[in-house]
Amino acid sequence: MRIFVTGGAGFIGSALVRHLIEYTSHEVFNFDKLTYAGTLSTVKRVAQSSRYRFLQGDICDAETVRAAIAEFRPDIVTHLAAESHVDRSIDGPGAFVQTNVVGTYVMLAEARAYWLSLDDEAKAAFRFHHISTDEVYGSLGDAGLFTEETPYDPRSPYSASKAGSDHLVSAWSHTYGLPVLITNCSNNYGPYHFPEKLIPLMIVKALAGEPLPLYGAGNQVRDWLFVEDHVRALQAVFERGAVGRTYNVGGHNEKQNIEVVRTVCAILDRLHQREDGKNYAEQITSVADRPGHDKRYAIDATRIGDELGWQPQETFESGIEKTVRWYLDNEAWWRPLVAAKATERRGIA
């Protein structure tokens, strides 16, 4: 098939692009604005493939989107382009509304116009796959899991903007009949993760001998999903998912933030000892919690397992080991980002 990927130079999008070129026969069109968190270095190893092409473009630019879709003629649009960092959304919510809400509207409008131009067979095969987050569901207590029927209750500008985009996609399905799919995933981690996010931030700050800033007591719980498991789920959904269906994607790996950071430190102690012989965990430092910090997220991924046969292949232990080793082996990728101050913590508004 012909897969049009928005945000294909970002963390999850680039992982999807690499996966599709390396493990399938699909053709891929990578459409990315190349914002601060998007870099073509993430897809360098597949960029020479005859099945890959790239265009720098903004999903809010209807004319550019329209021309790209018309030229590529996709079977699938996988929409990953988004502003994604909660801390940044607290300090600058406008960009999140523009990209995540307005940009999704533009993508839906242009995808619908293209879809209506197709013959009956191509129209029946077309899918618009919107990739979203579990954060739209709000915060859980000590028990329970997010299901596809959990009411939306977003708590941050980021999650509110993603909730808005989810509702737009659903509305385009109900109102216009556009064949859509929605996936809501838990916290991703893995190679090429931009170093403002928790796990890569802790790795690069630990190696620099800097304090490891942990919000509050670090007792917030997240369900961690290895990014390569996630993109296998995305492929399963756009290839075999039921039209109009939402699928939650989780890693079955609930961990407190403090557990995650201590695990990263322990792996670094083993693989890259500090020169003074001390443990990296001594660098952990509590900082003031960010406003509206959700207590716990946890995904029930039963539906995608039962209907599409997807299960995560990585445990947290195996995935975090691979991740730490990747950052140790690929300093040339992340050091320029750190030099550009990608590791500054935000969310203090």
C-alpha atoms as a PDB file:
ATOM      1  CA  MET A   1       0.000   0.000   0.000  1.00  0.00           C
ATOM      2  CA  ARG A   2       0.886   3.680  -0.218  1.00  0.00           C
ATOM      3  CA  ILE A   3       1.211   5.171   3.267  1.00  0.00           C
ATOM      4  CA  PHE A   4       1.188   8.962   3.819  1.00  0.00           C
ATOM      5  CA  VAL A   5       2.803   9.669   7.206  1.00  0.00           C
ATOM      6  CA  THR A   6       2.497  13.083   8.833  1.00  0.00           C
ATOM      7  CA  GLY A   7       5.168  13.804  11.425  1.00  0.00           C
ATOM      8  CA  GLY A   8       7.441  11.159   9.973  1.00  0.00           C
ATOM      9  CA  ALA A   9      10.616  12.852  11.239  1.00  0.00           C
ATOM     10  CA  GLY A  10       9.457  12.866  14.850  1.00  0.00           C
ATOM     11  CA  PHE A  11       9.955  10.157  17.434  1.00  0.00           C
ATOM     12  CA  ILE A  12       7.039   7.795  16.767  1.00  0.00           C
ATOM     13  CA  GLY A  13       6.572   8.835  13.152  1.00  0.00           C
ATOM     14  CA  SER A  14      10.183   8.110  12.232  1.00  0.00           C
ATOM     15  CA  ALA A  15       9.989   4.740  13.955  1.00  0.00           C
ATOM     16  CA  LEU A  16       6.950   3.956  11.803  1.00  0.00           C
ATOM     17  CA  VAL A  17       8.734   5.098   8.646  1.00  0.00           C
ATOM     18  CA  ARG A  18      11.793   2.962   9.421  1.00  0.00           C
ATOM     19  CA  HIS A  19       9.611  -0.040  10.240  1.00  0.00           C
ATOM     20  CA  LEU A  20       7.544   0.208   7.056  1.00  0.00           C
ATOM     21  CA  ILE A  21      10.561   0.560   4.784  1.00  0.00           C
ATOM     22  CA  GLU A  22      12.614  -2.140   6.495  1.00  0.00           C
ATOM     23  CA  TYR A  23       9.933  -4.750   7.240  1.00  0.00           C
ATOM     24  CA  THR A  24       7.125  -4.282   4.681  1.00  0.00           C
ATOM     25  CA  SER A  25       6.728  -3.626   0.958  1.00  0.00           C
ATOM     26  CA  HIS A  26       4.612  -0.492   1.485  1.00  0.00           C
ATOM     27  CA  GLU A  27       5.573   2.824  -0.111  1.00  0.00           C
ATOM     28  CA  VAL A  28       5.967   5.723   2.334  1.00  0.00           C
ATOM     29  CA  PHE A  29       5.541   9.479   1.920  1.00  0.00           C
ATOM     30  CA  ASN A  30       7.013  11.358   4.887  1.00  0.00           C
ATOM     31  CA  PHE A  31       5.369  14.776   5.385  1.00  0.00           C
ATOM     32  CA  ASP A  32       6.979  16.747   8.222  1.00  0.00           C
ATOM     33  CA  LYS A  33       7.444  20.401   9.137  1.00  0.00           C
ATOM     34  CA  LEU A  34      10.840  19.701  10.746  1.00  0.00           C
ATOM     35  CA  THR A  35      10.149  21.626  13.938  1.00  0.00           C
ATOM     36  CA  TYR A  36      12.636  21.591  16.811  1.00  0.00           C
ATOM     37  CA  ALA A  37      11.723  17.951  17.598  1.00  0.00           C
ATOM     38  CA  GLY A  38      11.833  16.681  14.018  1.00  0.00           C
ATOM     39  CA  THR A  39      15.054  15.787  12.270  1.00  0.00           C
ATOM     40  CA  LEU A  40      15.759  13.776   9.141  1.00  0.00           C
ATOM     41  CA  SER A  41      18.601  12.024  10.930  1.00  0.00           C
ATOM     42  CA  THR A  42      15.912   9.762  12.395  1.00  0.00           C
ATOM     43  CA  VAL A  43      15.140   8.304   8.946  1.00  0.00           C
ATOM     44  CA  LYS A  44      18.607   8.550   7.396  1.00  0.00           C
ATOM     45  CA  ARG A  45      19.090   4.794   7.186  1.00  0.00           C
ATOM     46  CA  VAL A  46      15.992   4.335   4.966  1.00  0.00           C
ATOM     47  CA  ALA A  47      16.130   7.614   3.033  1.00  0.00           C
ATOM     48  CA  GLN A  48      17.722   6.053  -0.053  1.00  0.00           C
ATOM     49  CA  SER A  49      14.971   3.470  -0.490  1.00  0.00           C
ATOM     50  CA  SER A  50      13.050   3.700  -3.763  1.00  0.00           C
ATOM     51  CA  ARG A  51       9.868   3.246  -1.689  1.00  0.00           C
ATOM     52  CA  TYR A  52      10.518   6.358   0.433  1.00  0.00           C
ATOM     53  CA  ARG A  53      10.071  10.042  -0.280  1.00  0.00           C
ATOM     54  CA  PHE A  54      10.018  13.163   1.896  1.00  0.00           C
ATOM     55  CA  LEU A  55       8.441  16.613   1.716  1.00  0.00           C
ATOM     56  CA  GLN A  56       8.901  19.371   4.269  1.00  0.00           C
ATOM     57  CA  GLY A  57       5.466  20.811   4.907  1.00  0.00           C
ATOM     58  CA  ASP A  58       3.084  22.105   7.555  1.00  0.00           C
ATOM     59  CA  ILE A  59      -0.163  20.240   8.225  1.00  0.00           C
ATOM     60  CA  CYS A  60      -1.837  23.640   8.742  1.00  0.00           C
ATOM     61  CA  ASP A  61      -0.995  24.585   5.133  1.00  0.00           C
ATOM     62  CA  ALA A  62      -3.975  23.219   3.206  1.00  0.00           C
ATOM     63  CA  GLU A  63      -2.536  23.930  -0.233  1.00  0.00           C
ATOM     64  CA  THR A  64       0.693  22.032   0.452  1.00  0.00           C
ATOM     65  CA  VAL A  65      -1.169  19.127   2.052  1.00  0.00           C
ATOM     66  CA  ARG A  66      -3.575  18.973  -0.887  1.00  0.00           C
ATOM     67  CA  ALA A  67      -0.797  18.915  -3.459  1.00  0.00           C
ATOM     68  CA  ALA A  68       1.193  16.257  -1.587  1.00  0.00           C
ATOM     69  CA  ILE A  69      -1.797  13.953  -1.227  1.00  0.00           C
ATOM     70  CA  ALA A  70      -2.799  14.431  -4.867  1.00  0.00           C
ATOM     71  CA  GLU A  71       0.730  13.650  -6.040  1.00  0.00           C
ATOM     72  CA  PHE A  72       1.269  10.572  -3.844  1.00  0.00           C
ATOM     73  CA  ARG A  73      -2.304   9.183  -3.997  1.00  0.00           C
ATOM     74  CA  PRO A  74      -2.170   7.301  -0.684  1.00  0.00           C
ATOM     75  CA  ASP A  75      -4.207   4.304   0.389  1.00  0.00           C
ATOM     76  CA  ILE A  76      -3.609   5.209   4.047  1.00  0.00           C
ATOM     77  CA  VAL A  77      -3.049   8.522   5.813  1.00  0.00           C
ATOM     78  CA  THR A  78      -1.399   7.982   9.201  1.00  0.00           C
ATOM     79  CA  HIS A  79      -1.603  11.240  11.109  1.00  0.00           C
ATOM     80  CA  LEU A  80       1.138  11.540  13.757  1.00  0.00           C
ATOM     81  CA  ALA A  81       2.195  15.189  13.358  1.00  0.00           C
ATOM     82  CA  ALA A  82       1.580  16.942  16.681  1.00  0.00           C
ATOM     83  CA  GLU A  83       3.043  19.089  19.396  1.00  0.00           C
ATOM     84  CA  SER A  84       3.504  16.508  22.132  1.00  0.00           C
ATOM     85  CA  HIS A  85       5.332  17.800  25.209  1.00  0.00           C
ATOM     86  CA  VAL A  86       3.079  18.526  28.192  1.00  0.00           C
ATOM     87  CA  ASP A  87       5.568  20.940  29.767  1.00  0.00           C
ATOM     88  CA  ARG A  88       5.755  23.031  26.606  1.00  0.00           C
ATOM     89  CA  SER A  89       1.948  23.097  26.385  1.00  0.00           C
ATOM     90  CA  ILE A  90       1.739  24.662  29.840  1.00  0.00           C
ATOM     91  CA  ASP A  91       4.069  27.489  28.892  1.00  0.00           C
ATOM     92  CA  GLY A  92       2.858  27.917  25.279  1.00  0.00           C
ATOM     93  CA  PRO A  93      -0.590  26.377  24.662  1.00  0.00           C
ATOM     94  CA  GLY A  94      -1.283  28.308  21.458  1.00  0.00           C
ATOM     95  CA  ALA A  95       1.061  26.203  19.342  1.00  0.00           C
ATOM     96  CA  PHE A  96      -0.698  23.048  20.551  1.00  0.00           C
ATOM     97  CA  VAL A  97      -4.138  24.320  19.579  1.00  0.00           C
ATOM     98  CA  GLN A  98      -2.842  25.381  16.177  1.00  0.00           C
ATOM     99  CA  THR A  99      -0.985  22.193  15.271  1.00  0.00           C
ATOM    100  CA  ASN A 100      -3.064  19.549  17.034  1.00  0.00           C
ATOM    101  CA  VAL A 101      -6.554  20.958  16.465  1.00  0.00           C
ATOM    102  CA  VAL A 102      -6.340  23.210  13.397  1.00  0.00           C
ATOM    103  CA  GLY A 103      -3.760  20.966  11.731  1.00  0.00           C
ATOM    104  CA  THR A 104      -5.929  17.896  12.235  1.00  0.00           C
ATOM    105  CA  TYR A 105      -8.902  19.745  10.765  1.00  0.00           C
ATOM    106  CA  VAL A 106      -6.845  20.592   7.664  1.00  0.00           C
ATOM    107  CA  MET A 107      -5.715  16.983   7.308  1.00  0.00           C
ATOM    108  CA  LEU A 108      -9.301  15.735   7.615  1.00  0.00           C
ATOM    109  CA  ALA A 109     -10.638  18.247   5.109  1.00  0.00           C
ATOM    110  CA  GLU A 110      -7.973  17.442   2.529  1.00  0.00           C
ATOM    111  CA  ALA A 111      -8.172  13.691   3.110  1.00  0.00           C
ATOM    112  CA  ARG A 112     -11.951  13.810   2.661  1.00  0.00           C
ATOM    113  CA  ALA A 113     -11.695  15.793  -0.575  1.00  0.00           C
ATOM    114  CA  TYR A 114      -9.175  13.282  -1.914  1.00  0.00           C
ATOM    115  CA  TRP A 115     -11.271  10.320  -0.726  1.00  0.00           C
ATOM    116  CA  LEU A 116     -14.350  11.653  -2.523  1.00  0.00           C
ATOM    117  CA  SER A 117     -12.373  11.790  -5.772  1.00  0.00           C
ATOM    118  CA  LEU A 118     -11.546   8.070  -5.689  1.00  0.00           C
ATOM    119  CA  ASP A 119     -13.334   5.300  -7.540  1.00  0.00           C
ATOM    120  CA  ASP A 120     -15.508   2.952  -5.479  1.00  0.00           C
ATOM    121  CA  GLU A 121     -12.822   0.313  -4.959  1.00  0.00           C
ATOM    122  CA  ALA A 122     -10.147   2.773  -3.853  1.00  0.00           C
ATOM    123  CA  LYS A 123     -12.661   4.665  -1.723  1.00  0.00           C
ATOM    124  CA  ALA A 124     -13.580   1.460   0.124  1.00  0.00           C
ATOM    125  CA  ALA A 125      -9.912   0.670   0.798  1.00  0.00           C
ATOM    126  CA  PHE A 126      -8.888   4.145   2.005  1.00  0.00           C
ATOM    127  CA  ARG A 127      -8.243   4.811   5.718  1.00  0.00           C
ATOM    128  CA  PHE A 128      -7.469   7.932   7.765  1.00  0.00           C
ATOM    129  CA  HIS A 129      -5.573   6.710  10.854  1.00  0.00           C
ATOM    130  CA  HIS A 130      -5.275   9.238  13.678  1.00  0.00           C
ATOM    131  CA  ILE A 131      -2.649   8.532  16.340  1.00  0.00           C
ATOM    132  CA  SER A 132      -3.410   9.952  19.781  1.00  0.00           C
ATOM    133  CA  THR A 133      -2.586   9.532  23.472  1.00  0.00           C
ATOM    134  CA  ASP A 134      -3.994   7.990  26.636  1.00  0.00           C
ATOM    135  CA  GLU A 135      -3.703  11.420  28.263  1.00  0.00           C
ATOM    136  CA  VAL A 136      -7.064  12.388  26.768  1.00  0.00           C
ATOM    137  CA  TYR A 137      -8.704  10.164  29.398  1.00  0.00           C
ATOM    138  CA  GLY A 138      -7.399  12.189  32.335  1.00  0.00           C
ATOM    139  CA  SER A 139      -5.964  10.701  35.506  1.00  0.00           C
ATOM    140  CA  LEU A 140      -6.613   7.350  37.167  1.00  0.00           C
ATOM    141  CA  GLY A 141      -6.612   6.549  40.852  1.00  0.00           C
ATOM    142  CA  ASP A 142      -4.682   3.627  42.290  1.00  0.00           C
ATOM    143  CA  ALA A 143      -6.874   1.090  40.464  1.00  0.00           C
ATOM    144  CA  GLY A 144      -8.528   0.701  37.098  1.00  0.00           C
ATOM    145  CA  LEU A 145      -7.469   0.939  33.466  1.00  0.00           C
ATOM    146  CA  PHE A 146      -8.308   3.181  30.520  1.00  0.00           C
ATOM    147  CA  THR A 147     -10.524   1.401  27.997  1.00  0.00           C
ATOM    148  CA  GLU A 148     -11.807   2.620  24.656  1.00  0.00           C
ATOM    149  CA  GLU A 149     -15.062   3.570  26.421  1.00  0.00           C
ATOM    150  CA  THR A 150     -13.414   5.685  29.150  1.00  0.00           C
ATOM    151  CA  PRO A 151     -14.890   9.221  29.101  1.00  0.00           C
ATOM    152  CA  TYR A 152     -12.510  11.956  28.005  1.00  0.00           C
ATOM    153  CA  ASP A 153     -11.191  14.174  30.811  1.00  0.00           C
ATOM    154  CA  PRO A 154      -8.027  15.951  29.590  1.00  0.00           C
ATOM    155  CA  ARG A 155      -6.082  17.899  32.234  1.00  0.00           C
ATOM    156  CA  SER A 156      -3.341  19.767  30.331  1.00  0.00           C
ATOM    157  CA  PRO A 157      -3.343  22.017  27.250  1.00  0.00           C
ATOM    158  CA  TYR A 158      -1.569  19.196  25.408  1.00  0.00           C
ATOM    159  CA  SER A 159      -4.112  16.509  26.264  1.00  0.00           C
ATOM    160  CA  ALA A 160      -7.003  18.910  25.650  1.00  0.00           C
ATOM    161  CA  SER A 161      -5.682  19.654  22.165  1.00  0.00           C
ATOM    162  CA  LYS A 162      -5.329  15.942  21.433  1.00  0.00           C
ATOM    163  CA  ALA A 163      -8.820  15.272  22.773  1.00  0.00           C
ATOM    164  CA  GLY A 164     -10.113  17.958  20.421  1.00  0.00           C
ATOM    165  CA  SER A 165      -8.355  16.337  17.498  1.00  0.00           C
ATOM    166  CA  ASP A 166      -9.790  12.919  18.412  1.00  0.00           C
ATOM    167  CA  HIS A 167     -13.299  14.374  18.459  1.00  0.00           C
ATOM    168  CA  LEU A 168     -12.783  16.005  15.061  1.00  0.00           C
ATOM    169  CA  VAL A 169     -11.711  12.679  13.561  1.00  0.00           C
ATOM    170  CA  SER A 170     -14.725  10.932  15.060  1.00  0.00           C
ATOM    171  CA  ALA A 171     -17.021  13.682  13.769  1.00  0.00           C
ATOM    172  CA  TRP A 172     -15.633  13.361  10.223  1.00  0.00           C
ATOM    173  CA  SER A 173     -16.496   9.673  10.406  1.00  0.00           C
ATOM    174  CA  HIS A 174     -20.049  10.172  11.671  1.00  0.00           C
ATOM    175  CA  THR A 175     -20.907  13.264   9.632  1.00  0.00           C
ATOM    176  CA  TYR A 176     -19.099  12.678   6.352  1.00  0.00           C
ATOM    177  CA  GLY A 177     -18.541   8.917   6.347  1.00  0.00           C
ATOM    178  CA  LEU A 178     -14.754   9.248   6.127  1.00  0.00           C
ATOM    179  CA  PRO A 179     -13.270   5.817   6.955  1.00  0.00           C
ATOM    180  CA  VAL A 180     -11.241   6.575  10.078  1.00  0.00           C
ATOM    181  CA  LEU A 181      -9.255   4.687  12.708  1.00  0.00           C
ATOM    182  CA  ILE A 182      -8.082   6.089  16.054  1.00  0.00           C
ATOM    183  CA  THR A 183      -5.387   4.732  18.338  1.00  0.00           C
ATOM    184  CA  ASN A 184      -4.599   6.015  21.830  1.00  0.00           C
ATOM    185  CA  CYS A 185      -1.218   4.947  23.149  1.00  0.00           C
ATOM    186  CA  SER A 186       0.565   5.011  26.488  1.00  0.00           C
ATOM    187  CA  ASN A 187       3.998   6.600  27.102  1.00  0.00           C
ATOM    188  CA  ASN A 188       6.449   5.653  24.360  1.00  0.00           C
ATOM    189  CA  TYR A 189      10.205   5.316  24.806  1.00  0.00           C
ATOM    190  CA  GLY A 190      13.119   4.026  22.770  1.00  0.00           C
ATOM    191  CA  PRO A 191      15.787   5.148  20.259  1.00  0.00           C
ATOM    192  CA  TYR A 192      15.646   8.654  18.742  1.00  0.00           C
ATOM    193  CA  HIS A 193      13.463  10.005  21.568  1.00  0.00           C
ATOM    194  CA  PHE A 194      13.938  13.783  21.773  1.00  0.00           C
ATOM    195  CA  PRO A 195      15.882  14.521  24.970  1.00  0.00           C
ATOM    196  CA  GLU A 196      13.260  16.762  26.580  1.00  0.00           C
ATOM    197  CA  LYS A 197      11.234  13.664  27.540  1.00  0.00           C
ATOM    198  CA  LEU A 198      11.783  11.799  30.812  1.00  0.00           C
ATOM    199  CA  ILE A 199      13.869   8.756  29.851  1.00  0.00           C
ATOM    200  CA  PRO A 200      16.303  10.344  27.361  1.00  0.00           C
ATOM    201  CA  LEU A 201      16.524  13.430  29.564  1.00  0.00           C
ATOM    202  CA  MET A 202      17.661  11.308  32.506  1.00  0.00           C
ATOM    203  CA  ILE A 203      20.203   9.463  30.369  1.00  0.00           C
ATOM    204  CA  VAL A 204      21.870  12.550  28.908  1.00  0.00           C
ATOM    205  CA  LYS A 205      21.851  14.498  32.172  1.00  0.00           C
ATOM    206  CA  ALA A 206      23.271  11.527  34.057  1.00  0.00           C
ATOM    207  CA  LEU A 207      26.124  11.234  31.563  1.00  0.00           C
ATOM    208  CA  ALA A 208      26.771  14.974  31.886  1.00  0.00           C
ATOM    209  CA  GLY A 209      27.022  14.703  35.666  1.00  0.00           C
ATOM    210  CA  GLU A 210      24.038  17.017  36.106  1.00  0.00           C
ATOM    211  CA  PRO A 211      21.124  16.752  38.568  1.00  0.00           C
ATOM    212  CA  LEU A 212      18.317  14.450  37.431  1.00  0.00           C
ATOM    213  CA  PRO A 213      15.176  16.596  37.910  1.00  0.00           C
ATOM    214  CA  LEU A 214      12.202  14.560  39.093  1.00  0.00           C
ATOM    215  CA  TYR A 215       8.829  16.191  39.593  1.00  0.00           C
ATOM    216  CA  GLY A 216       7.683  15.960  43.225  1.00  0.00           C
ATOM    217  CA  ALA A 217       8.197  12.558  44.818  1.00  0.00           C
ATOM    218  CA  GLY A 218       8.289  10.858  41.428  1.00  0.00           C
ATOM    219  CA  ASN A 219       5.312   8.680  42.332  1.00  0.00           C
ATOM    220  CA  GLN A 220       3.333   9.380  39.157  1.00  0.00           C
ATOM    221  CA  VAL A 221       2.593   6.128  37.306  1.00  0.00           C
ATOM    222  CA  ARG A 222       2.829   5.631  33.546  1.00  0.00           C
ATOM    223  CA  ASP A 223       2.384   2.585  31.316  1.00  0.00           C
ATOM    224  CA  TRP A 224       5.572   2.383  29.233  1.00  0.00           C
ATOM    225  CA  LEU A 225       5.433   1.215  25.595  1.00  0.00           C
ATOM    226  CA  PHE A 226       8.550   0.518  23.544  1.00  0.00           C
ATOM    227  CA  VAL A 227       8.234   2.543  20.356  1.00  0.00           C
ATOM    228  CA  GLU A 228       8.918  -0.385  18.029  1.00  0.00           C
ATOM    229  CA  ASP A 229       6.062  -2.311  19.659  1.00  0.00           C
ATOM    230  CA  HIS A 230       3.861   0.729  19.094  1.00  0.00           C
ATOM    231  CA  VAL A 231       4.566   0.998  15.374  1.00  0.00           C
ATOM    232  CA  ARG A 232       3.816  -2.698  14.914  1.00  0.00           C
ATOM    233  CA  ALA A 233       0.460  -1.948  16.515  1.00  0.00           C
ATOM    234  CA  LEU A 234      -0.103   0.967  14.144  1.00  0.00           C
ATOM    235  CA  GLN A 235       0.574  -1.267  11.152  1.00  0.00           C
ATOM    236  CA  ALA A 236      -1.869  -3.874  12.472  1.00  0.00           C
ATOM    237  CA  VAL A 237      -4.552  -1.217  12.914  1.00  0.00           C
ATOM    238  CA  PHE A 238      -4.323   0.458   9.509  1.00  0.00           C
ATOM    239  CA  GLU A 239      -4.007  -2.885   7.722  1.00  0.00           C
ATOM    240  CA  ARG A 240      -6.703  -4.854   9.579  1.00  0.00           C
ATOM    241  CA  GLY A 241      -8.586  -2.556  11.975  1.00  0.00           C
ATOM    242  CA  ALA A 242     -12.352  -2.068  11.711  1.00  0.00           C
ATOM    243  CA  VAL A 243     -13.429   1.275  10.255  1.00  0.00           C
ATOM    244  CA  GLY A 244     -14.599   3.710  12.916  1.00  0.00           C
ATOM    245  CA  ARG A 245     -12.935   1.707  15.665  1.00  0.00           C
ATOM    246  CA  THR A 246     -10.682   3.053  18.426  1.00  0.00           C
ATOM    247  CA  TYR A 247      -7.831   0.864  19.696  1.00  0.00           C
ATOM    248  CA  ASN A 248      -5.888   1.504  22.893  1.00  0.00           C
ATOM    249  CA  VAL A 249      -2.207   0.527  22.704  1.00  0.00           C
ATOM    250  CA  GLY A 250      -0.294  -0.082  25.932  1.00  0.00           C
ATOM    251  CA  GLY A 251       2.876  -1.807  27.008  1.00  0.00           C
ATOM    252  CA  HIS A 252       1.532  -3.571  30.132  1.00  0.00           C
ATOM    253  CA  ASN A 253       4.385  -1.913  32.035  1.00  0.00           C
ATOM    254  CA  GLU A 254       3.160   0.351  34.838  1.00  0.00           C
ATOM    255  CA  LYS A 255       6.047   2.095  36.581  1.00  0.00           C
ATOM    256  CA  GLN A 256       6.389   5.055  38.910  1.00  0.00           C
ATOM    257  CA  ASN A 257       8.617   7.764  37.500  1.00  0.00           C
ATOM    258  CA  ILE A 258      11.074   7.238  40.345  1.00  0.00           C
ATOM    259  CA  GLU A 259      11.310   3.540  39.416  1.00  0.00           C
ATOM    260  CA  VAL A 260      12.037   4.459  35.809  1.00  0.00           C
ATOM    261  CA  VAL A 261      14.797   6.877  36.763  1.00  0.00           C
ATOM    262  CA  ARG A 262      16.389   4.446  39.216  1.00  0.00           C
ATOM    263  CA  THR A 263      16.337   1.720  36.549  1.00  0.00           C
ATOM    264  CA  VAL A 264      18.083   4.031  34.076  1.00  0.00           C
ATOM    265  CA  CYS A 265      20.689   4.848  36.732  1.00  0.00           C
ATOM    266  CA  ALA A 266      21.274   1.184  37.541  1.00  0.00           C
ATOM    267  CA  ILE A 267      21.824   0.300  33.880  1.00  0.00           C
ATOM    268  CA  LEU A 268      24.253   3.201  33.485  1.00  0.00           C
ATOM    269  CA  ASP A 269      26.081   2.065  36.647  1.00  0.00           C
ATOM    270  CA  ARG A 270      26.631  -1.265  34.924  1.00  0.00           C
ATOM    271  CA  LEU A 271      27.393  -0.084  31.380  1.00  0.00           C
ATOM    272  CA  HIS A 272      29.063   3.300  31.885  1.00  0.00           C
ATOM    273  CA  GLN A 273      30.386   3.786  35.404  1.00  0.00           C
ATOM    274  CA  ARG A 274      30.906   7.274  36.785  1.00  0.00           C
ATOM    275  CA  GLU A 275      34.553   8.294  36.973  1.00  0.00           C
ATOM    276  CA  ASP A 276      34.280   8.810  40.732  1.00  0.00           C
ATOM    277  CA  GLY A 277      32.812   5.337  41.226  1.00  0.00           C
ATOM    278  CA  LYS A 278      29.594   6.650  42.738  1.00  0.00           C
ATOM    279  CA  ASN A 279      26.088   5.657  41.654  1.00  0.00           C
ATOM    280  CA  TYR A 280      24.145   7.773  39.162  1.00  0.00           C
ATOM    281  CA  ALA A 281      21.114   7.638  41.486  1.00  0.00           C
ATOM    282  CA  GLU A 282      22.901  10.128  43.720  1.00  0.00           C
ATOM    283  CA  GLN A 283      22.167  12.733  41.032  1.00  0.00           C
ATOM    284  CA  ILE A 284      18.369  12.393  41.424  1.00  0.00           C
ATOM    285  CA  THR A 285      16.907  15.715  42.561  1.00  0.00           C
ATOM    286  CA  SER A 286      13.299  16.521  43.434  1.00  0.00           C
ATOM    287  CA  VAL A 287      11.913  19.678  41.793  1.00  0.00           C
ATOM    288  CA  ALA A 288       8.563  21.439  42.160  1.00  0.00           C
ATOM    289  CA  ASP A 289       5.782  19.460  40.528  1.00  0.00           C
ATOM    290  CA  ARG A 290       4.246  20.798  37.333  1.00  0.00           C
ATOM    291  CA  PRO A 291       0.669  22.179  37.487  1.00  0.00           C
ATOM    292  CA  GLY A 292      -2.101  19.620  37.021  1.00  0.00           C
ATOM    293  CA  HIS A 293       0.278  16.643  36.919  1.00  0.00           C
ATOM    294  CA  ASP A 294      -1.815  13.514  36.330  1.00  0.00           C
ATOM    295  CA  LYS A 295      -1.328  10.802  38.948  1.00  0.00           C
ATOM    296  CA  ARG A 296      -1.608   7.609  36.914  1.00  0.00           C
ATOM    297  CA  TYR A 297      -2.178   6.346  33.392  1.00  0.00           C
ATOM    298  CA  ALA A 298      -2.729   2.682  32.554  1.00  0.00           C
ATOM    299  CA  ILE A 299      -4.047   1.129  29.345  1.00  0.00           C
ATOM    300  CA  ASP A 300      -6.309  -1.854  28.820  1.00  0.00           C
ATOM    301  CA  ALA A 301      -5.087  -3.127  25.444  1.00  0.00           C
ATOM    302  CA  THR A 302      -7.426  -6.131  25.324  1.00  0.00           C
ATOM    303  CA  ARG A 303      -9.266  -5.013  22.177  1.00  0.00           C
ATOM    304  CA  ILE A 304      -6.223  -4.739  19.913  1.00  0.00           C
ATOM    305  CA  GLY A 305      -4.958  -8.061  21.241  1.00  0.00           C
ATOM    306  CA  ASP A 306      -8.237  -9.917  20.760  1.00  0.00           C
ATOM    307  CA  GLU A 307      -9.218  -8.375  17.411  1.00  0.00           C
ATOM    308  CA  LEU A 308      -5.861  -7.868  15.699  1.00  0.00           C
ATOM    309  CA  GLY A 309      -3.535 -10.265  17.514  1.00  0.00           C
ATOM    310  CA  TRP A 310      -1.099  -7.571  18.641  1.00  0.00           C
ATOM    311  CA  GLN A 311       0.920  -7.927  21.827  1.00  0.00           C
ATOM    312  CA  PRO A 312       4.016  -6.006  22.964  1.00  0.00           C
ATOM    313  CA  GLN A 313       7.210  -7.965  22.441  1.00  0.00           C
ATOM    314  CA  GLU A 314       9.366  -5.959  24.851  1.00  0.00           C
ATOM    315  CA  THR A 315       9.121  -5.969  28.610  1.00  0.00           C
ATOM    316  CA  PHE A 316      10.099  -2.738  30.311  1.00  0.00           C
ATOM    317  CA  GLU A 317      13.321  -4.400  31.431  1.00  0.00           C
ATOM    318  CA  SER A 318      14.335  -5.457  27.927  1.00  0.00           C
ATOM    319  CA  GLY A 319      13.176  -2.230  26.295  1.00  0.00           C
ATOM    320  CA  ILE A 320      14.889   0.124  28.725  1.00  0.00           C
ATOM    321  CA  GLU A 321      18.136  -1.832  28.408  1.00  0.00           C
ATOM    322  CA  LYS A 322      17.999  -1.444  24.612  1.00  0.00           C
ATOM    323  CA  THR A 323      17.199   2.246  24.987  1.00  0.00           C
ATOM    324  CA  VAL A 324      20.065   3.071  27.341  1.00  0.00           C
ATOM    325  CA  ARG A 325      22.506   1.133  25.162  1.00  0.00           C
ATOM    326  CA  TRP A 326      21.284   3.038  22.086  1.00  0.00           C
ATOM    327  CA  TYR A 327      21.947   6.417  23.710  1.00  0.00           C
ATOM    328  CA  LEU A 328      25.385   5.287  24.825  1.00  0.00           C
ATOM    329  CA  ASP A 329      26.171   4.157  21.281  1.00  0.00           C
ATOM    330  CA  ASN A 330      24.687   7.195  19.500  1.00  0.00           C
ATOM    331  CA  GLU A 331      26.024  10.278  21.227  1.00  0.00           C
ATOM    332  CA  ALA A 332      26.579  11.894  17.833  1.00  0.00           C
ATOM    333  CA  TRP A 333      22.799  12.001  17.376  1.00  0.00           C
ATOM    334  CA  TRP A 334      21.768  13.565  20.684  1.00  0.00           C
ATOM    335  CA  ARG A 335      24.719  15.751  21.674  1.00  0.00           C
ATOM    336  CA  PRO A 336      23.876  18.491  19.124  1.00  0.00           C
ATOM    337  CA  LEU A 337      20.319  18.528  20.460  1.00  0.00           C
ATOM    338  CA  VAL A 338      21.576  18.913  24.010  1.00  0.00           C
ATOM    339  CA  ALA A 339      23.867  21.735  22.879  1.00  0.00           C
ATOM    340  CA  ALA A 340      20.749  23.456  21.496  1.00  0.00           C
ATOM    341  CA  LYS A 341      19.244  23.322  25.005  1.00  0.00           C
ATOM    342  CA  ALA A 342      16.753  20.543  24.299  1.00  0.00           C
ATOM    343  CA  THR A 343      17.087  19.370  27.907  1.00  0.00           C
ATOM    344  CA  GLU A 344      15.662  22.435  29.610  1.00  0.00           C
ATOM    345  CA  ARG A 345      12.689  21.542  31.779  1.00  0.00           C
ATOM    346  CA  ARG A 346       9.529  23.558  31.292  1.00  0.00           C
ATOM    347  CA  GLY A 347       6.036  23.401  32.776  1.00  0.00           C
ATOM    348  CA  ILE A 348       6.637  25.892  35.579  1.00  0.00           C
ATOM    349  CA  ALA A 349       3.968  28.429  34.591  1.00  0.00           C
END
